[in-house]
Amino acid sequence: MKPSELSPAALCAQLGERIKRARLNQNLAQKDIAEQAGLSVKAVQSVESGTATLLSTVAVLQALDLADHLQLLLPEPALSPRQLVKLKGKERRRASGSRSTPEDAPANTASTW
């Protein structure tokens, strides 16, 4: 089943199960992860059941050395073309020629016309 077809609770439960498997693959007890993450064992159990806060989940991922995987979960979005234009600001599109004023013109010049 696709993740988009699951309820948020089911997705959280799947994520918790994957975190539990990662912990077991590293042969770590919940107590070990709780100490490394600065959480209680109950908080780690909540992460593994998919009912924890995002803060606790990220702390457990860091303790399991899996925080880099969050980049795969939600990569940094690229700027849209509209945002790029806004950031660029007003860009000059042509050069302005030098404008001479009557004071800048040399005195006593005769016109050849």
Protein backbone atom coordinates (compact mmCIF):
# COMPACT_ATOMS: atom_id res chain seq x y z
CA MET A 1 0.00 0.00 0.00
CA LYS A 2 1.29 3.48 -0.88
CA PRO A 3 2.06 5.89 1.96
CA SER A 4 -0.43 8.37 0.50
CA GLU A 5 -3.19 5.79 0.97
CA LEU A 6 -2.45 5.28 4.68
CA SER A 7 -3.81 7.30 7.55
CA PRO A 8 -1.40 9.54 9.47
CA ALA A 9 -1.63 7.16 12.44
CA ALA A 10 -0.73 4.19 10.24
CA LEU A 11 2.23 6.06 8.76
CA CYS A 12 3.47 6.95 12.25
CA ALA A 13 3.11 3.33 13.32
CA GLN A 14 5.18 2.21 10.31
CA LEU A 15 7.86 4.78 11.10
CA GLY A 16 7.95 3.64 14.73
CA GLU A 17 8.30 0.02 13.64
CA ARG A 18 11.21 0.93 11.35
CA ILE A 19 12.92 2.81 14.16
CA LYS A 20 12.46 -0.23 16.43
CA ARG A 21 13.98 -2.51 13.77
CA ALA A 22 16.93 -0.14 13.38
CA ARG A 23 17.50 -0.20 17.14
CA LEU A 24 17.33 -4.00 17.26
CA ASN A 25 19.67 -4.29 14.26
CA GLN A 26 22.20 -2.25 16.22
CA ASN A 27 21.63 -4.60 19.19
CA LEU A 28 20.65 -1.75 21.50
CA ALA A 29 18.12 -1.84 24.32
CA GLN A 30 15.47 0.84 24.73
CA LYS A 31 17.25 1.88 27.92
CA ASP A 32 20.50 2.49 25.99
CA ILE A 33 18.75 4.66 23.42
CA ALA A 34 16.87 6.53 26.14
CA GLU A 35 20.13 7.41 27.87
CA GLN A 36 21.83 8.50 24.64
CA ALA A 37 18.83 10.58 23.56
CA GLY A 38 18.22 12.10 26.98
CA LEU A 39 14.73 10.62 27.11
CA SER A 40 12.85 8.22 29.33
CA VAL A 41 12.33 4.60 28.33
CA LYS A 42 8.61 5.41 28.06
CA ALA A 43 9.41 8.13 25.49
CA VAL A 44 11.42 5.64 23.42
CA GLN A 45 8.50 3.22 23.60
CA SER A 46 6.23 6.02 22.36
CA VAL A 47 8.58 6.63 19.42
CA GLU A 48 8.53 2.95 18.53
CA SER A 49 4.74 2.84 18.73
CA GLY A 50 4.43 5.92 16.52
CA THR A 51 2.75 8.12 19.12
CA ALA A 52 5.70 10.27 20.23
CA THR A 53 6.38 13.93 19.60
CA LEU A 54 8.54 14.94 16.67
CA LEU A 55 11.19 16.15 19.11
CA SER A 56 11.44 12.72 20.77
CA THR A 57 11.48 10.96 17.41
CA VAL A 58 14.34 13.11 16.14
CA ALA A 59 16.25 12.57 19.39
CA VAL A 60 15.95 8.79 18.97
CA LEU A 61 17.03 9.04 15.32
CA GLN A 62 20.09 11.00 16.42
CA ALA A 63 20.90 8.41 19.10
CA LEU A 64 20.65 5.70 16.43
CA ASP A 65 22.86 7.80 14.12
CA LEU A 66 20.04 7.96 11.57
CA ALA A 67 19.30 11.70 11.61
CA ASP A 68 20.84 12.09 8.14
CA HIS A 69 17.98 9.97 6.81
CA LEU A 70 15.62 12.86 7.51
CA GLN A 71 17.02 14.49 4.36
CA LEU A 72 15.51 11.60 2.39
CA LEU A 73 12.20 12.00 4.18
CA LEU A 74 11.86 15.65 3.26
CA PRO A 75 14.61 17.12 1.08
CA GLU A 76 15.24 20.84 1.02
CA PRO A 77 12.77 22.30 -1.49
CA ALA A 78 14.17 24.22 -4.44
CA LEU A 79 13.25 27.85 -4.92
CA SER A 80 10.51 28.49 -7.44
CA PRO A 81 11.27 30.73 -10.43
CA ARG A 82 9.06 33.40 -8.88
CA GLN A 83 11.06 33.33 -5.64
CA LEU A 84 14.32 33.52 -7.58
CA VAL A 85 13.12 36.66 -9.36
CA LYS A 86 12.14 38.23 -6.04
CA LEU A 87 15.54 37.45 -4.55
CA LYS A 88 17.35 38.78 -7.58
CA GLY A 89 15.75 42.21 -7.21
CA LYS A 90 15.79 44.80 -9.91
CA GLU A 91 18.46 44.03 -12.42
CA ARG A 92 19.59 46.60 -14.94
CA ARG A 93 18.66 45.64 -18.45
CA ARG A 94 20.48 48.35 -20.38
CA ALA A 95 23.10 50.98 -19.81
CA SER A 96 22.13 54.58 -19.73
CA GLY A 97 24.20 56.88 -21.89
CA SER A 98 25.88 59.93 -20.48
CA ARG A 99 23.60 62.90 -20.59
CA SER A 100 25.16 66.24 -21.27
CA THR A 101 23.65 69.38 -19.88
CA PRO A 102 24.10 72.87 -21.27
CA GLU A 103 26.60 73.61 -18.49
CA ASP A 104 28.70 70.63 -19.63
CA ALA A 105 28.88 71.77 -23.26
CA PRO A 106 32.08 73.62 -24.26
CA ALA A 107 31.67 77.36 -24.63
CA ASN A 108 31.84 79.08 -28.08
CA THR A 109 31.37 75.99 -30.20
CA ALA A 110 29.99 76.68 -33.56
CA SER A 111 27.60 74.33 -35.14
CA THR A 112 28.63 72.87 -38.48
CA TRP A 113 25.04 72.54 -39.57
